[in-house]
Amino acid sequence: MVTKTDLQEWVLTALADRGGRARIVSVAEWIWTHKEQELKGAGELFFTWQYDMRWAATELRKSKQIKDKDLTPKGIWELA
């Protein structure tokens, strides 16, 4: 079953697939396009995945895998 931790890997993969930098909506679109069936089978996470995707980004910032929000334009996530 998909967990919130899986979303961290998906965010990283989505950013890499988008050239290392993308709008948050573009990351969500990538996740839905590539992981829709997994999300549909994820129980409660299906209803919270977009919120949890943002949690994943916060965790990735803490681990220095994506740039701090103060270093990128509003609404943009970028690989470190």
PDB file of N, CA and C in Angstrom:
ATOM      1  N   MET A   1       0.844  -1.184   0.000  1.00  0.00           N
ATOM      2  CA  MET A   1       0.000   0.000   0.000  1.00  0.00           C
ATOM      3  C   MET A   1       0.892   1.251   0.000  1.00  0.00           C
ATOM      4  N   VAL A   2       0.424   2.260  -0.677  1.00  0.00           N
ATOM      5  CA  VAL A   2       1.146   3.529  -0.764  1.00  0.00           C
ATOM      6  C   VAL A   2       1.107   4.229   0.582  1.00  0.00           C
ATOM      7  N   THR A   3       2.245   4.846   0.942  1.00  0.00           N
ATOM      8  CA  THR A   3       2.320   5.608   2.188  1.00  0.00           C
ATOM      9  C   THR A   3       2.749   7.043   1.874  1.00  0.00           C
ATOM     10  N   LYS A   4       2.672   7.893   2.879  1.00  0.00           N
ATOM     11  CA  LYS A   4       3.132   9.276   2.707  1.00  0.00           C
ATOM     12  C   LYS A   4       4.601   9.325   2.306  1.00  0.00           C
ATOM     13  N   THR A   5       5.374   8.393   2.778  1.00  0.00           N
ATOM     14  CA  THR A   5       6.800   8.361   2.442  1.00  0.00           C
ATOM     15  C   THR A   5       7.008   8.114   0.949  1.00  0.00           C
ATOM     16  N   ASP A   6       6.147   7.318   0.334  1.00  0.00           N
ATOM     17  CA  ASP A   6       6.243   7.082  -1.111  1.00  0.00           C
ATOM     18  C   ASP A   6       6.115   8.395  -1.882  1.00  0.00           C
ATOM     19  N   LEU A   7       5.324   9.302  -1.358  1.00  0.00           N
ATOM     20  CA  LEU A   7       5.133  10.577  -2.039  1.00  0.00           C
ATOM     21  C   LEU A   7       6.439  11.362  -2.158  1.00  0.00           C
ATOM     22  N   GLN A   8       7.336  11.196  -1.205  1.00  0.00           N
ATOM     23  CA  GLN A   8       8.629  11.879  -1.304  1.00  0.00           C
ATOM     24  C   GLN A   8       9.370  11.434  -2.559  1.00  0.00           C
ATOM     25  N   GLU A   9       9.412  10.138  -2.787  1.00  0.00           N
ATOM     26  CA  GLU A   9      10.084   9.607  -3.979  1.00  0.00           C
ATOM     27  C   GLU A   9       9.370  10.066  -5.243  1.00  0.00           C
ATOM     28  N   TRP A  10       8.064  10.088  -5.208  1.00  0.00           N
ATOM     29  CA  TRP A  10       7.303  10.532  -6.377  1.00  0.00           C
ATOM     30  C   TRP A  10       7.564  12.001  -6.685  1.00  0.00           C
ATOM     31  N   VAL A  11       7.650  12.834  -5.657  1.00  0.00           N
ATOM     32  CA  VAL A  11       7.952  14.256  -5.877  1.00  0.00           C
ATOM     33  C   VAL A  11       9.325  14.393  -6.517  1.00  0.00           C
ATOM     34  N   LEU A  12      10.308  13.679  -6.005  1.00  0.00           N
ATOM     35  CA  LEU A  12      11.657  13.739  -6.582  1.00  0.00           C
ATOM     36  C   LEU A  12      11.654  13.269  -8.042  1.00  0.00           C
ATOM     37  N   THR A  13      10.953  12.205  -8.306  1.00  0.00           N
ATOM     38  CA  THR A  13      10.885  11.680  -9.667  1.00  0.00           C
ATOM     39  C   THR A  13      10.170  12.659 -10.593  1.00  0.00           C
ATOM     40  N   ALA A  14       9.087  13.230 -10.117  1.00  0.00           N
ATOM     41  CA  ALA A  14       8.351  14.210 -10.924  1.00  0.00           C
ATOM     42  C   ALA A  14       9.226  15.408 -11.247  1.00  0.00           C
ATOM     43  N   LEU A  15       9.957  15.900 -10.262  1.00  0.00           N
ATOM     44  CA  LEU A  15      10.843  17.046 -10.502  1.00  0.00           C
ATOM     45  C   LEU A  15      11.950  16.684 -11.492  1.00  0.00           C
ATOM     46  N   ALA A  16      12.532  15.525 -11.334  1.00  0.00           N
ATOM     47  CA  ALA A  16      13.584  15.092 -12.261  1.00  0.00           C
ATOM     48  C   ALA A  16      13.021  14.981 -13.677  1.00  0.00           C
ATOM     49  N   ASP A  17      11.818  14.436 -13.792  1.00  0.00           N
ATOM     50  CA  ASP A  17      11.179  14.274 -15.099  1.00  0.00           C
ATOM     51  C   ASP A  17      10.830  15.615 -15.735  1.00  0.00           C
ATOM     52  N   ARG A  18      10.672  16.628 -14.920  1.00  0.00           N
ATOM     53  CA  ARG A  18      10.329  17.971 -15.396  1.00  0.00           C
ATOM     54  C   ARG A  18      11.566  18.875 -15.488  1.00  0.00           C
ATOM     55  N   GLY A  19      12.732  18.262 -15.521  1.00  0.00           N
ATOM     56  CA  GLY A  19      13.950  19.049 -15.691  1.00  0.00           C
ATOM     57  C   GLY A  19      14.531  19.593 -14.396  1.00  0.00           C
ATOM     58  N   GLY A  20      14.046  19.109 -13.244  1.00  0.00           N
ATOM     59  CA  GLY A  20      14.603  19.514 -11.956  1.00  0.00           C
ATOM     60  C   GLY A  20      13.874  20.655 -11.279  1.00  0.00           C
ATOM     61  N   ARG A  21      12.880  21.224 -11.978  1.00  0.00           N
ATOM     62  CA  ARG A  21      12.151  22.363 -11.425  1.00  0.00           C
ATOM     63  C   ARG A  21      10.738  22.355 -12.011  1.00  0.00           C
ATOM     64  N   ALA A  22       9.738  22.584 -11.149  1.00  0.00           N
ATOM     65  CA  ALA A  22       8.362  22.567 -11.647  1.00  0.00           C
ATOM     66  C   ALA A  22       7.431  23.302 -10.693  1.00  0.00           C
ATOM     67  N   ARG A  23       6.320  23.751 -11.252  1.00  0.00           N
ATOM     68  CA  ARG A  23       5.248  24.310 -10.426  1.00  0.00           C
ATOM     69  C   ARG A  23       4.632  23.175  -9.612  1.00  0.00           C
ATOM     70  N   ILE A  24       4.114  23.500  -8.460  1.00  0.00           N
ATOM     71  CA  ILE A  24       3.505  22.504  -7.586  1.00  0.00           C
ATOM     72  C   ILE A  24       2.377  21.770  -8.324  1.00  0.00           C
ATOM     73  N   VAL A  25       1.579  22.506  -9.072  1.00  0.00           N
ATOM     74  CA  VAL A  25       0.480  21.894  -9.818  1.00  0.00           C
ATOM     75  C   VAL A  25       1.012  20.891 -10.842  1.00  0.00           C
ATOM     76  N   SER A  26       2.137  21.186 -11.451  1.00  0.00           N
ATOM     77  CA  SER A  26       2.742  20.281 -12.417  1.00  0.00           C
ATOM     78  C   SER A  26       3.213  18.988 -11.746  1.00  0.00           C
ATOM     79  N   VAL A  27       3.738  19.103 -10.534  1.00  0.00           N
ATOM     80  CA  VAL A  27       4.148  17.915  -9.775  1.00  0.00           C
ATOM     81  C   VAL A  27       2.906  17.070  -9.447  1.00  0.00           C
ATOM     82  N   ALA A  28       1.842  17.712  -9.013  1.00  0.00           N
ATOM     83  CA  ALA A  28       0.605  16.985  -8.710  1.00  0.00           C
ATOM     84  C   ALA A  28       0.064  16.302  -9.964  1.00  0.00           C
ATOM     85  N   GLU A  29       0.112  17.000 -11.084  1.00  0.00           N
ATOM     86  CA  GLU A  29      -0.349  16.416 -12.345  1.00  0.00           C
ATOM     87  C   GLU A  29       0.486  15.190 -12.708  1.00  0.00           C
ATOM     88  N   TRP A  30       1.800  15.291 -12.545  1.00  0.00           N
ATOM     89  CA  TRP A  30       2.679  14.153 -12.844  1.00  0.00           C
ATOM     90  C   TRP A  30       2.312  12.956 -11.960  1.00  0.00           C
ATOM     91  N   ILE A  31       2.134  13.217 -10.680  1.00  0.00           N
ATOM     92  CA  ILE A  31       1.799  12.124  -9.755  1.00  0.00           C
ATOM     93  C   ILE A  31       0.477  11.479 -10.169  1.00  0.00           C
ATOM     94  N   TRP A  32      -0.528  12.284 -10.461  1.00  0.00           N
ATOM     95  CA  TRP A  32      -1.829  11.723 -10.836  1.00  0.00           C
ATOM     96  C   TRP A  32      -1.718  10.923 -12.137  1.00  0.00           C
ATOM     97  N   THR A  33      -1.003  11.460 -13.112  1.00  0.00           N
ATOM     98  CA  THR A  33      -0.860  10.797 -14.410  1.00  0.00           C
ATOM     99  C   THR A  33      -0.132   9.466 -14.290  1.00  0.00           C
ATOM    100  N   HIS A  34       0.903   9.428 -13.456  1.00  0.00           N
ATOM    101  CA  HIS A  34       1.737   8.224 -13.365  1.00  0.00           C
ATOM    102  C   HIS A  34       1.356   7.272 -12.224  1.00  0.00           C
ATOM    103  N   LYS A  35       0.630   7.760 -11.239  1.00  0.00           N
ATOM    104  CA  LYS A  35       0.373   6.945 -10.041  1.00  0.00           C
ATOM    105  C   LYS A  35      -1.113   6.858  -9.677  1.00  0.00           C
ATOM    106  N   GLU A  36      -1.987   7.189 -10.611  1.00  0.00           N
ATOM    107  CA  GLU A  36      -3.423   7.215 -10.328  1.00  0.00           C
ATOM    108  C   GLU A  36      -3.928   5.902  -9.724  1.00  0.00           C
ATOM    109  N   GLN A  37      -3.596   4.790 -10.331  1.00  0.00           N
ATOM    110  CA  GLN A  37      -4.103   3.504  -9.840  1.00  0.00           C
ATOM    111  C   GLN A  37      -3.583   3.189  -8.441  1.00  0.00           C
ATOM    112  N   GLU A  38      -2.324   3.515  -8.193  1.00  0.00           N
ATOM    113  CA  GLU A  38      -1.770   3.286  -6.846  1.00  0.00           C
ATOM    114  C   GLU A  38      -2.473   4.170  -5.825  1.00  0.00           C
ATOM    115  N   LEU A  39      -2.762   5.412  -6.204  1.00  0.00           N
ATOM    116  CA  LEU A  39      -3.459   6.322  -5.296  1.00  0.00           C
ATOM    117  C   LEU A  39      -4.882   5.834  -5.013  1.00  0.00           C
ATOM    118  N   LYS A  40      -5.553   5.351  -6.040  1.00  0.00           N
ATOM    119  CA  LYS A  40      -6.921   4.870  -5.853  1.00  0.00           C
ATOM    120  C   LYS A  40      -6.981   3.681  -4.898  1.00  0.00           C
ATOM    121  N   GLY A  41      -5.901   2.926  -4.818  1.00  0.00           N
ATOM    122  CA  GLY A  41      -5.859   1.792  -3.913  1.00  0.00           C
ATOM    123  C   GLY A  41      -5.202   2.100  -2.577  1.00  0.00           C
ATOM    124  N   ALA A  42      -4.984   3.375  -2.295  1.00  0.00           N
ATOM    125  CA  ALA A  42      -4.214   3.767  -1.115  1.00  0.00           C
ATOM    126  C   ALA A  42      -5.077   4.075   0.105  1.00  0.00           C
ATOM    127  N   GLY A  43      -6.332   3.705   0.072  1.00  0.00           N
ATOM    128  CA  GLY A  43      -7.194   3.955   1.232  1.00  0.00           C
ATOM    129  C   GLY A  43      -7.371   5.437   1.499  1.00  0.00           C
ATOM    130  N   GLU A  44      -7.223   5.811   2.752  1.00  0.00           N
ATOM    131  CA  GLU A  44      -7.426   7.205   3.168  1.00  0.00           C
ATOM    132  C   GLU A  44      -6.494   8.182   2.453  1.00  0.00           C
ATOM    133  N   LEU A  45      -5.310   7.724   2.102  1.00  0.00           N
ATOM    134  CA  LEU A  45      -4.352   8.585   1.419  1.00  0.00           C
ATOM    135  C   LEU A  45      -4.909   9.120   0.100  1.00  0.00           C
ATOM    136  N   PHE A  46      -5.826   8.370  -0.513  1.00  0.00           N
ATOM    137  CA  PHE A  46      -6.441   8.834  -1.753  1.00  0.00           C
ATOM    138  C   PHE A  46      -7.102  10.203  -1.564  1.00  0.00           C
ATOM    139  N   PHE A  47      -7.647  10.441  -0.391  1.00  0.00           N
ATOM    140  CA  PHE A  47      -8.362  11.688  -0.122  1.00  0.00           C
ATOM    141  C   PHE A  47      -7.451  12.806   0.382  1.00  0.00           C
ATOM    142  N   THR A  48      -6.219  12.460   0.733  1.00  0.00           N
ATOM    143  CA  THR A  48      -5.310  13.462   1.316  1.00  0.00           C
ATOM    144  C   THR A  48      -4.016  13.626   0.546  1.00  0.00           C
ATOM    145  N   TRP A  49      -3.846  12.953  -0.584  1.00  0.00           N
ATOM    146  CA  TRP A  49      -2.530  12.886  -1.225  1.00  0.00           C
ATOM    147  C   TRP A  49      -1.979  14.246  -1.625  1.00  0.00           C
ATOM    148  N   GLN A  50      -2.808  15.192  -2.031  1.00  0.00           N
ATOM    149  CA  GLN A  50      -2.251  16.496  -2.424  1.00  0.00           C
ATOM    150  C   GLN A  50      -1.720  17.254  -1.201  1.00  0.00           C
ATOM    151  N   TYR A  51      -2.404  17.152  -0.084  1.00  0.00           N
ATOM    152  CA  TYR A  51      -1.878  17.724   1.149  1.00  0.00           C
ATOM    153  C   TYR A  51      -0.592  17.005   1.547  1.00  0.00           C
ATOM    154  N   ASP A  52      -0.611  15.688   1.476  1.00  0.00           N
ATOM    155  CA  ASP A  52       0.551  14.884   1.857  1.00  0.00           C
ATOM    156  C   ASP A  52       1.730  15.099   0.911  1.00  0.00           C
ATOM    157  N   MET A  53       1.459  15.447  -0.335  1.00  0.00           N
ATOM    158  CA  MET A  53       2.522  15.771  -1.282  1.00  0.00           C
ATOM    159  C   MET A  53       3.283  17.014  -0.789  1.00  0.00           C
ATOM    160  N   ARG A  54       2.562  17.954  -0.238  1.00  0.00           N
ATOM    161  CA  ARG A  54       3.205  19.163   0.308  1.00  0.00           C
ATOM    162  C   ARG A  54       4.005  18.817   1.570  1.00  0.00           C
ATOM    163  N   TRP A  55       3.486  17.909   2.379  1.00  0.00           N
ATOM    164  CA  TRP A  55       4.248  17.421   3.543  1.00  0.00           C
ATOM    165  C   TRP A  55       5.543  16.785   3.048  1.00  0.00           C
ATOM    166  N   ALA A  56       5.439  15.992   1.975  1.00  0.00           N
ATOM    167  CA  ALA A  56       6.623  15.340   1.412  1.00  0.00           C
ATOM    168  C   ALA A  56       7.656  16.379   0.999  1.00  0.00           C
ATOM    169  N   ALA A  57       7.211  17.464   0.384  1.00  0.00           N
ATOM    170  CA  ALA A  57       8.134  18.524  -0.032  1.00  0.00           C
ATOM    171  C   ALA A  57       8.820  19.149   1.185  1.00  0.00           C
ATOM    172  N   THR A  58       8.085  19.330   2.260  1.00  0.00           N
ATOM    173  CA  THR A  58       8.684  19.879   3.483  1.00  0.00           C
ATOM    174  C   THR A  58       9.776  18.944   4.000  1.00  0.00           C
ATOM    175  N   GLU A  59       9.494  17.651   4.010  1.00  0.00           N
ATOM    176  CA  GLU A  59      10.500  16.676   4.453  1.00  0.00           C
ATOM    177  C   GLU A  59      11.712  16.677   3.518  1.00  0.00           C
ATOM    178  N   LEU A  60      11.468  16.825   2.232  1.00  0.00           N
ATOM    179  CA  LEU A  60      12.577  16.868   1.268  1.00  0.00           C
ATOM    180  C   LEU A  60      13.419  18.133   1.438  1.00  0.00           C
ATOM    181  N   ARG A  61      12.784  19.228   1.821  1.00  0.00           N
ATOM    182  CA  ARG A  61      13.540  20.456   2.128  1.00  0.00           C
ATOM    183  C   ARG A  61      14.429  20.243   3.348  1.00  0.00           C
ATOM    184  N   LYS A  62      13.861  19.613   4.381  1.00  0.00           N
ATOM    185  CA  LYS A  62      14.628  19.354   5.600  1.00  0.00           C
ATOM    186  C   LYS A  62      15.855  18.498   5.321  1.00  0.00           C
ATOM    187  N   SER A  63      15.718  17.571   4.384  1.00  0.00           N
ATOM    188  CA  SER A  63      16.844  16.689   4.053  1.00  0.00           C
ATOM    189  C   SER A  63      17.694  17.251   2.910  1.00  0.00           C
ATOM    190  N   LYS A  64      17.412  18.498   2.532  1.00  0.00           N
ATOM    191  CA  LYS A  64      18.199  19.224   1.515  1.00  0.00           C
ATOM    192  C   LYS A  64      18.142  18.587   0.131  1.00  0.00           C
ATOM    193  N   GLN A  65      17.057  17.869  -0.161  1.00  0.00           N
ATOM    194  CA  GLN A  65      16.917  17.265  -1.488  1.00  0.00           C
ATOM    195  C   GLN A  65      16.211  18.191  -2.471  1.00  0.00           C
ATOM    196  N   ILE A  66      15.401  19.110  -1.941  1.00  0.00           N
ATOM    197  CA  ILE A  66      14.869  20.178  -2.773  1.00  0.00           C
ATOM    198  C   ILE A  66      15.213  21.502  -2.100  1.00  0.00           C
ATOM    199  N   LYS A  67      15.258  22.546  -2.920  1.00  0.00           N
ATOM    200  CA  LYS A  67      15.675  23.857  -2.423  1.00  0.00           C
ATOM    201  C   LYS A  67      14.665  24.430  -1.446  1.00  0.00           C
ATOM    202  N   ASP A  68      15.173  25.216  -0.521  1.00  0.00           N
ATOM    203  CA  ASP A  68      14.336  25.913   0.446  1.00  0.00           C
ATOM    204  C   ASP A  68      13.380  26.841  -0.293  1.00  0.00           C
ATOM    205  N   LYS A  69      12.204  27.016   0.259  1.00  0.00           N
ATOM    206  CA  LYS A  69      11.193  27.839  -0.405  1.00  0.00           C
ATOM    207  C   LYS A  69      11.638  29.286  -0.582  1.00  0.00           C
ATOM    208  N   ASP A  70      12.570  29.752   0.249  1.00  0.00           N
ATOM    209  CA  ASP A  70      13.063  31.122   0.120  1.00  0.00           C
ATOM    210  C   ASP A  70      14.030  31.284  -1.057  1.00  0.00           C
ATOM    211  N   LEU A  71      14.438  30.175  -1.657  1.00  0.00           N
ATOM    212  CA  LEU A  71      15.393  30.219  -2.774  1.00  0.00           C
ATOM    213  C   LEU A  71      14.730  30.008  -4.130  1.00  0.00           C
ATOM    214  N   THR A  72      13.419  29.833  -4.142  1.00  0.00           N
ATOM    215  CA  THR A  72      12.702  29.622  -5.402  1.00  0.00           C
ATOM    216  C   THR A  72      11.464  30.526  -5.434  1.00  0.00           C
ATOM    217  N   PRO A  73      10.982  30.825  -6.624  1.00  0.00           N
ATOM    218  CA  PRO A  73       9.753  31.623  -6.713  1.00  0.00           C
ATOM    219  C   PRO A  73       8.577  30.899  -6.059  1.00  0.00           C
ATOM    220  N   LYS A  74       7.593  31.667  -5.639  1.00  0.00           N
ATOM    221  CA  LYS A  74       6.411  31.090  -5.003  1.00  0.00           C
ATOM    222  C   LYS A  74       5.749  30.081  -5.954  1.00  0.00           C
ATOM    223  N   GLY A  75       5.419  28.920  -5.406  1.00  0.00           N
ATOM    224  CA  GLY A  75       4.734  27.895  -6.174  1.00  0.00           C
ATOM    225  C   GLY A  75       5.635  27.012  -7.008  1.00  0.00           C
ATOM    226  N   ILE A  76       6.956  27.158  -6.845  1.00  0.00           N
ATOM    227  CA  ILE A  76       7.926  26.372  -7.608  1.00  0.00           C
ATOM    228  C   ILE A  76       8.723  25.501  -6.650  1.00  0.00           C
ATOM    229  N   TRP A  77       8.874  24.233  -7.008  1.00  0.00           N
ATOM    230  CA  TRP A  77       9.769  23.331  -6.287  1.00  0.00           C
ATOM    231  C   TRP A  77      10.936  23.017  -7.197  1.00  0.00           C
ATOM    232  N   GLU A  78      12.136  22.934  -6.618  1.00  0.00           N
ATOM    233  CA  GLU A  78      13.331  22.690  -7.418  1.00  0.00           C
ATOM    234  C   GLU A  78      14.284  21.757  -6.683  1.00  0.00           C
ATOM    235  N   LEU A  79      14.838  20.818  -7.430  1.00  0.00           N
ATOM    236  CA  LEU A  79      15.821  19.914  -6.845  1.00  0.00           C
ATOM    237  C   LEU A  79      17.035  20.707  -6.385  1.00  0.00           C
ATOM    238  N   ALA A  80      17.622  20.265  -5.292  1.00  0.00           N
ATOM    239  CA  ALA A  80      18.811  20.940  -4.757  1.00  0.00           C
ATOM    240  C   ALA A  80      20.049  20.522  -5.532  1.00  0.00           C
TER     241      ALA A  80
END
